[in-house]
Amino acid sequence: MRVVKTLMTALVAFAVATTAAACVDDSTGDTTSPGASGGTIKSGLKIAFLPKQVNNPYFTTSDNGGKAAIEEFKGVYSETGPSEASPSAQVSYINTLSQQKTDVIIVSANDKNAICGALNEARQAGAKVVTFDSDTNPSCRDLFINQATADGIAKIQLKLISEAIGADGGEIAILSATANATNQNSWIEMMKTELAKPEYSKLKLVDTVYGDDQDQKSFTETQALLAKHPNLKGIISPTTVGVAAAARYLSGSTYKGKVQLTGLGTPNQMRAFVKDGTCKAFALWNPADLGYLAAWAAASLASGMITGKEGDKFKAGKLGEFTVGKDATVLLGDPYTFNASNIDQFNF
């Protein structure tokens, strides 16, 4: 499985790429990198990452993965974005990047539709738009880099919470990011569909709350959930900020070991909470690989090597070859489960 194979080598590869880049001539010249279909990556491509919010550990990791890729094919990397995730917060940054004649804008959307107008104006001005992590309406971008299918993410989180709670089941709740986040809402809807299956008949979803990908608000929402639902047996938080905040609250409370927790997190955030028993297992793809793949896809698109049509193929450096699927979507792979037996093998 591509994701699992690359998890162990992600940081090593990033360090090597970063060190090597320090010795590369800054001149853009006419140097090109080999592509997938006999073409070449244009040298000096200006590629900007626009996450939902800057200084979020998850996006710092993914954007640094993109930076490593861009250095490999001698592009020009930048990162910009809002400090807080909100539906329209990214619009002004998109407008600025367009004015700066950025070749590709790689964005994780806070809202499916709120940034579409700005993105289409940027495309009309000549920029290519690649979404990653959280998509827009497909008409607003050229390519979407999907970390995993909504179905796969929903299934692994319900499986983990069900196993953690045990055969008796009980009430569960979801602590999400923002109410408008495309990816979060898609995963939640798929979880609801999955919950209707016989194997989850003893699990009852009683609430969904939003921490807005803010640590303190997510912490407070966890506290409020437990006060509102005294019989709660488990919490699913499909956001790296939320699951870490929930774990911090649970680990210091009387609910530790009584209310189970899972979600999407990074090993470095969750290591202590796995070891102290607050969280038995959680899942994620490798965010560094997601950013790395997005950068290679963006460069292939901007170089005319692919157009985003179904069946297009391109190479993504150390990750190998990928194929564009339906609705101009590229899939990184399946989520990976972290637990006490393997968490010390990872560092991101």
Protein backbone atom coordinates (compact mmCIF):
# COMPACT_ATOMS: atom_id res chain seq x y z
CA MET A 1 0.00 0.00 0.00
CA ARG A 2 1.53 3.27 -1.14
CA VAL A 3 0.71 5.27 2.03
CA VAL A 4 2.08 2.69 4.44
CA LYS A 5 5.26 2.23 2.44
CA THR A 6 5.99 5.93 2.43
CA LEU A 7 5.09 6.71 6.06
CA MET A 8 8.34 5.29 7.40
CA THR A 9 10.51 7.27 5.01
CA ALA A 10 8.67 10.59 4.89
CA LEU A 11 10.87 12.59 7.24
CA VAL A 12 14.10 11.07 5.99
CA ALA A 13 13.16 11.93 2.43
CA PHE A 14 12.15 15.42 3.44
CA ALA A 15 15.44 16.02 5.26
CA VAL A 16 17.45 14.77 2.28
CA ALA A 17 15.47 16.93 -0.13
CA THR A 18 15.84 20.01 2.06
CA THR A 19 19.59 19.50 2.49
CA ALA A 20 20.09 18.96 -1.20
CA ALA A 21 18.07 22.04 -2.05
CA ALA A 22 20.38 24.21 0.00
CA CYS A 23 23.14 23.45 -2.50
CA VAL A 24 21.09 24.08 -5.67
CA ASP A 25 21.69 27.16 -7.80
CA ASP A 26 18.76 29.58 -7.39
CA SER A 27 18.82 30.40 -11.09
CA THR A 28 15.61 29.33 -12.83
CA GLY A 29 17.25 29.17 -16.30
CA ASP A 30 15.93 26.51 -18.67
CA THR A 31 16.63 23.53 -16.42
CA THR A 32 13.81 20.99 -16.45
CA SER A 33 12.91 17.86 -14.52
CA PRO A 34 11.76 14.62 -16.12
CA GLY A 35 8.02 14.13 -16.10
CA ALA A 36 5.69 11.18 -16.50
CA SER A 37 4.55 11.16 -20.09
CA GLY A 38 7.78 12.05 -21.85
CA GLY A 39 7.39 15.74 -21.00
CA THR A 40 9.30 17.87 -18.56
CA ILE A 41 8.45 20.00 -15.54
CA LYS A 42 8.97 23.68 -16.27
CA SER A 43 11.75 25.19 -14.20
CA GLY A 44 11.00 28.10 -11.89
CA LEU A 45 7.28 27.44 -11.47
CA LYS A 46 5.80 29.65 -8.75
CA ILE A 47 3.69 27.36 -6.56
CA ALA A 48 1.87 28.65 -3.48
CA PHE A 49 0.31 26.60 -0.70
CA LEU A 50 -2.80 28.11 0.89
CA PRO A 51 -3.89 25.96 3.86
CA LYS A 52 -7.08 26.38 5.87
CA GLN A 53 -4.95 28.13 8.46
CA VAL A 54 -1.23 28.70 8.90
CA ASN A 55 0.63 27.48 12.00
CA ASN A 56 -1.62 24.42 12.19
CA PRO A 57 0.73 21.44 12.79
CA TYR A 58 -1.06 19.30 10.22
CA PHE A 59 -0.73 21.92 7.48
CA THR A 60 2.82 22.79 8.49
CA THR A 61 3.71 19.14 7.84
CA SER A 62 1.79 18.91 4.55
CA ASP A 63 3.12 22.21 3.22
CA ASN A 64 6.69 21.25 4.11
CA GLY A 65 6.14 18.06 2.10
CA GLY A 66 5.12 20.27 -0.81
CA LYS A 67 8.18 22.43 -0.30
CA ALA A 68 10.45 19.39 -0.51
CA ALA A 69 8.87 18.36 -3.82
CA ILE A 70 9.10 21.88 -5.27
CA GLU A 71 12.79 22.03 -4.40
CA GLU A 72 13.30 18.71 -6.20
CA PHE A 73 11.96 20.06 -9.50
CA LYS A 74 13.47 23.54 -8.96
CA GLY A 75 10.28 25.51 -8.52
CA VAL A 76 9.61 28.48 -6.27
CA TYR A 77 7.70 27.61 -3.08
CA SER A 78 5.60 29.90 -0.93
CA GLU A 79 3.00 29.50 1.80
CA THR A 80 0.35 31.99 2.84
CA GLY A 81 -3.04 31.95 4.50
CA PRO A 82 -5.26 33.03 7.37
CA SER A 83 -4.46 32.44 11.03
CA GLU A 84 -8.04 31.30 11.69
CA ALA A 85 -10.18 28.98 9.62
CA SER A 86 -13.37 30.64 8.37
CA PRO A 87 -15.43 30.31 5.15
CA SER A 88 -14.20 33.45 3.37
CA ALA A 89 -10.84 34.04 5.11
CA GLN A 90 -8.86 32.68 2.14
CA VAL A 91 -10.33 35.02 -0.49
CA SER A 92 -7.93 37.94 -0.02
CA TYR A 93 -4.93 35.58 -0.17
CA ILE A 94 -6.16 34.07 -3.44
CA ASN A 95 -6.55 37.55 -4.92
CA THR A 96 -3.02 38.51 -3.87
CA LEU A 97 -1.52 35.31 -5.30
CA SER A 98 -3.32 35.96 -8.58
CA GLN A 99 -1.95 39.50 -8.71
CA GLN A 100 1.53 38.10 -8.09
CA LYS A 101 1.17 35.90 -11.20
CA THR A 102 1.47 32.67 -9.23
CA ASP A 103 1.56 29.68 -11.58
CA VAL A 104 -0.33 27.31 -9.27
CA ILE A 105 -2.40 27.90 -6.14
CA ILE A 106 -2.66 24.76 -3.98
CA VAL A 107 -5.50 25.29 -1.51
CA SER A 108 -7.28 23.37 1.24
CA ALA A 109 -10.74 24.94 1.20
CA ASN A 110 -12.45 26.15 4.36
CA ASP A 111 -15.73 26.24 2.44
CA LYS A 112 -16.90 24.43 -0.68
CA ASN A 113 -18.28 27.53 -2.41
CA ALA A 114 -17.09 30.67 -0.58
CA ILE A 115 -13.75 30.90 -2.41
CA CYS A 116 -14.97 29.79 -5.84
CA GLY A 117 -15.32 33.29 -7.27
CA ALA A 118 -11.78 34.23 -6.30
CA LEU A 119 -10.36 30.94 -7.58
CA ASN A 120 -12.06 31.27 -10.96
CA GLU A 121 -10.77 34.82 -11.31
CA ALA A 122 -7.27 33.51 -10.59
CA ARG A 123 -7.72 30.82 -13.23
CA GLN A 124 -8.90 33.39 -15.76
CA ALA A 125 -5.72 35.33 -14.97
CA GLY A 126 -3.63 32.27 -15.87
CA ALA A 127 -3.16 30.38 -12.61
CA LYS A 128 -3.85 26.69 -12.23
CA VAL A 129 -5.80 25.69 -9.11
CA VAL A 130 -5.17 22.45 -7.24
CA THR A 131 -7.16 21.62 -4.11
CA PHE A 132 -5.86 19.20 -1.49
CA ASP A 133 -7.17 17.87 1.81
CA SER A 134 -10.52 19.72 1.43
CA ASP A 135 -12.10 20.28 -1.97
CA THR A 136 -14.15 23.08 -3.49
CA ASN A 137 -16.95 22.69 -5.99
CA PRO A 138 -15.19 20.84 -8.86
CA SER A 139 -15.99 23.71 -11.25
CA CYS A 140 -13.67 25.97 -9.24
CA ARG A 141 -10.42 24.02 -9.64
CA ASP A 142 -8.38 22.01 -12.10
CA LEU A 143 -7.40 19.07 -9.89
CA PHE A 144 -8.16 17.70 -6.40
CA ILE A 145 -5.59 15.70 -4.40
CA ASN A 146 -7.63 13.52 -2.07
CA GLN A 147 -5.86 12.09 0.96
CA ALA A 148 -8.24 9.12 1.14
CA THR A 149 -11.81 8.36 0.17
CA ALA A 150 -14.58 9.66 2.43
CA ASP A 151 -15.82 6.10 2.68
CA GLY A 152 -12.42 4.82 3.82
CA ILE A 153 -12.00 7.55 6.42
CA ALA A 154 -15.51 7.04 7.79
CA LYS A 155 -15.08 3.29 8.03
CA ILE A 156 -11.75 3.32 9.85
CA GLN A 157 -12.91 5.83 12.48
CA LEU A 158 -16.11 3.92 13.27
CA LYS A 159 -14.19 0.66 13.38
CA LEU A 160 -11.69 2.11 15.85
CA ILE A 161 -14.29 3.67 18.15
CA SER A 162 -16.38 0.49 18.08
CA GLU A 163 -13.36 -1.63 19.02
CA ALA A 164 -12.35 0.81 21.77
CA ILE A 165 -15.82 0.91 23.35
CA GLY A 166 -16.42 -2.82 23.09
CA ALA A 167 -19.38 -5.09 22.41
CA ASP A 168 -21.83 -3.24 24.67
CA GLY A 169 -21.68 -0.11 22.49
CA GLY A 170 -23.25 3.14 23.70
CA GLU A 171 -23.54 6.82 22.88
CA ILE A 172 -20.92 8.52 20.73
CA ALA A 173 -20.37 12.10 19.57
CA ILE A 174 -18.34 13.83 16.87
CA LEU A 175 -16.03 16.79 17.48
CA SER A 176 -15.45 18.32 14.04
CA ALA A 177 -13.53 21.33 12.70
CA THR A 178 -15.62 24.11 11.11
CA ALA A 179 -19.27 23.63 10.21
CA ASN A 180 -18.51 24.46 6.56
CA ALA A 181 -15.42 22.27 6.04
CA THR A 182 -16.06 20.20 2.90
CA ASN A 183 -13.98 17.20 3.92
CA GLN A 184 -15.28 17.06 7.50
CA ASN A 185 -18.91 17.17 6.40
CA SER A 186 -18.34 14.49 3.79
CA TRP A 187 -16.74 12.18 6.35
CA ILE A 188 -19.51 12.81 8.88
CA GLU A 189 -22.23 11.99 6.36
CA MET A 190 -20.44 8.78 5.46
CA MET A 191 -20.11 7.88 9.14
CA LYS A 192 -23.87 8.32 9.55
CA THR A 193 -24.42 6.00 6.59
CA GLU A 194 -22.01 3.47 8.05
CA LEU A 195 -23.71 3.64 11.45
CA ALA A 196 -26.91 2.31 9.87
CA LYS A 197 -25.22 -1.04 9.25
CA PRO A 198 -26.08 -3.96 11.57
CA GLU A 199 -22.57 -4.23 13.01
CA TYR A 200 -22.92 -0.76 14.52
CA SER A 201 -26.47 -1.17 15.84
CA LYS A 202 -25.28 -0.66 19.43
CA LEU A 203 -23.61 2.67 18.67
CA LYS A 204 -25.80 5.79 18.85
CA LEU A 205 -24.61 9.16 17.52
CA VAL A 206 -26.06 11.75 19.92
CA ASP A 207 -24.28 14.98 18.95
CA THR A 208 -21.93 16.72 16.52
CA VAL A 209 -20.08 19.83 17.69
CA TYR A 210 -17.49 22.13 16.11
CA GLY A 211 -14.19 23.32 17.54
CA ASP A 212 -13.37 25.45 14.46
CA ASP A 213 -9.88 23.88 14.39
CA GLN A 214 -8.98 26.00 17.42
CA ASP A 215 -7.29 24.21 20.29
CA GLN A 216 -9.04 26.00 23.15
CA LYS A 217 -12.48 25.89 21.58
CA SER A 218 -12.09 22.19 20.81
CA PHE A 219 -11.01 21.61 24.42
CA THR A 220 -14.07 23.51 25.67
CA GLU A 221 -16.43 21.71 23.30
CA THR A 222 -15.14 18.37 24.62
CA GLN A 223 -15.85 19.47 28.17
CA ALA A 224 -19.35 20.64 27.16
CA LEU A 225 -20.09 17.37 25.35
CA LEU A 226 -19.36 15.35 28.47
CA ALA A 227 -21.47 17.64 30.62
CA LYS A 228 -24.38 17.45 28.18
CA HIS A 229 -24.17 13.68 27.63
CA PRO A 230 -23.28 11.96 30.92
CA ASN A 231 -23.63 8.51 29.33
CA LEU A 232 -21.24 9.22 26.48
CA LYS A 233 -18.97 6.29 25.69
CA GLY A 234 -16.88 7.64 22.85
CA ILE A 235 -15.77 10.67 20.84
CA ILE A 236 -14.64 10.74 17.21
CA SER A 237 -12.70 13.82 16.18
CA PRO A 238 -11.79 13.76 12.46
CA THR A 239 -9.44 16.74 12.78
CA THR A 240 -5.88 16.84 14.09
CA VAL A 241 -6.48 19.92 16.23
CA GLY A 242 -9.70 18.55 17.69
CA VAL A 243 -8.49 15.06 18.55
CA ALA A 244 -5.40 16.40 20.35
CA ALA A 245 -7.48 18.91 22.34
CA ALA A 246 -10.03 16.24 23.26
CA ALA A 247 -7.23 13.91 24.32
CA ARG A 248 -5.71 16.63 26.52
CA TYR A 249 -9.03 17.18 28.27
CA LEU A 250 -9.79 13.50 28.74
CA SER A 251 -6.30 12.64 29.99
CA GLY A 252 -6.61 15.09 32.88
CA SER A 253 -10.19 14.22 33.82
CA THR A 254 -12.15 11.47 35.55
CA TYR A 255 -13.35 10.40 32.09
CA LYS A 256 -9.95 9.00 31.15
CA GLY A 257 -10.37 5.33 30.24
CA LYS A 258 -14.15 5.59 30.55
CA VAL A 259 -14.85 7.70 27.46
CA GLN A 260 -12.98 6.38 24.44
CA LEU A 261 -11.43 8.63 21.80
CA THR A 262 -10.34 8.23 18.21
CA GLY A 263 -10.09 10.38 15.11
CA LEU A 264 -7.49 11.76 12.75
CA GLY A 265 -4.24 12.85 14.39
CA THR A 266 -0.49 12.92 13.97
CA PRO A 267 1.85 10.61 15.91
CA ASN A 268 3.73 13.47 17.58
CA GLN A 269 0.49 15.05 18.81
CA MET A 270 -1.01 11.82 20.08
CA ARG A 271 1.97 9.79 21.29
CA ALA A 272 1.63 10.67 24.99
CA PHE A 273 -2.12 10.08 24.94
CA VAL A 274 -1.76 6.65 23.33
CA LYS A 275 0.86 5.67 25.88
CA ASP A 276 -1.20 6.82 28.86
CA GLY A 277 -4.32 5.01 27.65
CA THR A 278 -6.43 8.04 26.76
CA CYS A 279 -6.61 6.94 23.11
CA LYS A 280 -6.18 3.32 22.05
CA ALA A 281 -5.81 4.00 18.33
CA PHE A 282 -6.29 6.73 15.74
CA ALA A 283 -5.80 7.09 12.00
CA LEU A 284 -4.29 9.38 9.38
CA TRP A 285 -2.56 9.42 6.04
CA ASN A 286 0.91 10.97 5.88
CA PRO A 287 0.31 14.73 5.50
CA ALA A 288 3.87 15.24 4.20
CA ASP A 289 3.10 12.80 1.38
CA LEU A 290 -0.16 14.62 0.66
CA GLY A 291 1.63 17.94 0.19
CA TYR A 292 4.41 16.27 -1.77
CA LEU A 293 1.90 14.66 -4.15
CA ALA A 294 -0.03 17.93 -4.53
CA ALA A 295 3.13 19.77 -5.55
CA TRP A 296 4.12 17.21 -8.20
CA ALA A 297 0.57 17.14 -9.57
CA ALA A 298 0.53 20.94 -9.68
CA ALA A 299 3.83 21.07 -11.55
CA SER A 300 2.68 18.44 -14.06
CA LEU A 301 -0.51 20.41 -14.63
CA ALA A 302 1.24 23.77 -15.04
CA SER A 303 3.78 22.19 -17.39
CA GLY A 304 1.07 20.86 -19.70
CA MET A 305 1.98 17.24 -19.02
CA ILE A 306 -1.54 16.52 -17.75
CA THR A 307 -4.83 18.37 -18.10
CA GLY A 308 -6.81 16.81 -15.27
CA LYS A 309 -8.83 14.48 -17.45
CA GLU A 310 -9.62 10.99 -16.20
CA GLY A 311 -6.83 8.57 -17.11
CA ASP A 312 -4.01 11.15 -17.15
CA LYS A 313 -0.85 9.73 -15.58
CA PHE A 314 2.07 11.51 -13.92
CA LYS A 315 5.02 10.68 -11.68
CA ALA A 316 5.30 12.14 -8.20
CA GLY A 317 8.97 11.76 -7.30
CA LYS A 318 9.58 9.16 -4.60
CA LEU A 319 5.85 8.26 -4.44
CA GLY A 320 5.82 6.85 -7.96
CA GLU A 321 3.14 7.09 -10.64
CA PHE A 322 -0.46 8.25 -10.13
CA THR A 323 -3.53 8.28 -12.34
CA VAL A 324 -6.17 11.01 -12.43
CA GLY A 325 -9.59 9.60 -11.62
CA LYS A 326 -13.15 10.76 -11.97
CA ASP A 327 -13.89 14.48 -11.43
CA ALA A 328 -10.20 15.35 -11.86
CA THR A 329 -9.31 13.65 -8.56
CA VAL A 330 -6.04 12.01 -7.56
CA LEU A 331 -6.10 9.62 -4.58
CA LEU A 332 -3.12 9.35 -2.23
CA GLY A 333 -4.20 6.06 -0.61
CA ASP A 334 -5.83 4.44 2.43
CA PRO A 335 -5.67 5.77 6.01
CA TYR A 336 -3.15 4.18 8.35
CA THR A 337 -3.89 3.14 11.97
CA PHE A 338 -1.53 4.23 14.74
CA ASN A 339 -1.51 2.50 18.15
CA ALA A 340 0.84 1.69 21.01
CA SER A 341 2.57 -1.05 19.04
CA ASN A 342 3.74 1.18 16.19
CA ILE A 343 3.52 4.86 17.14
CA ASP A 344 7.20 5.17 18.13
CA GLN A 345 8.18 4.25 14.57
CA PHE A 346 6.92 7.62 13.27
CA ASN A 347 8.00 11.22 13.75
CA PHE A 348 5.65 13.82 12.28
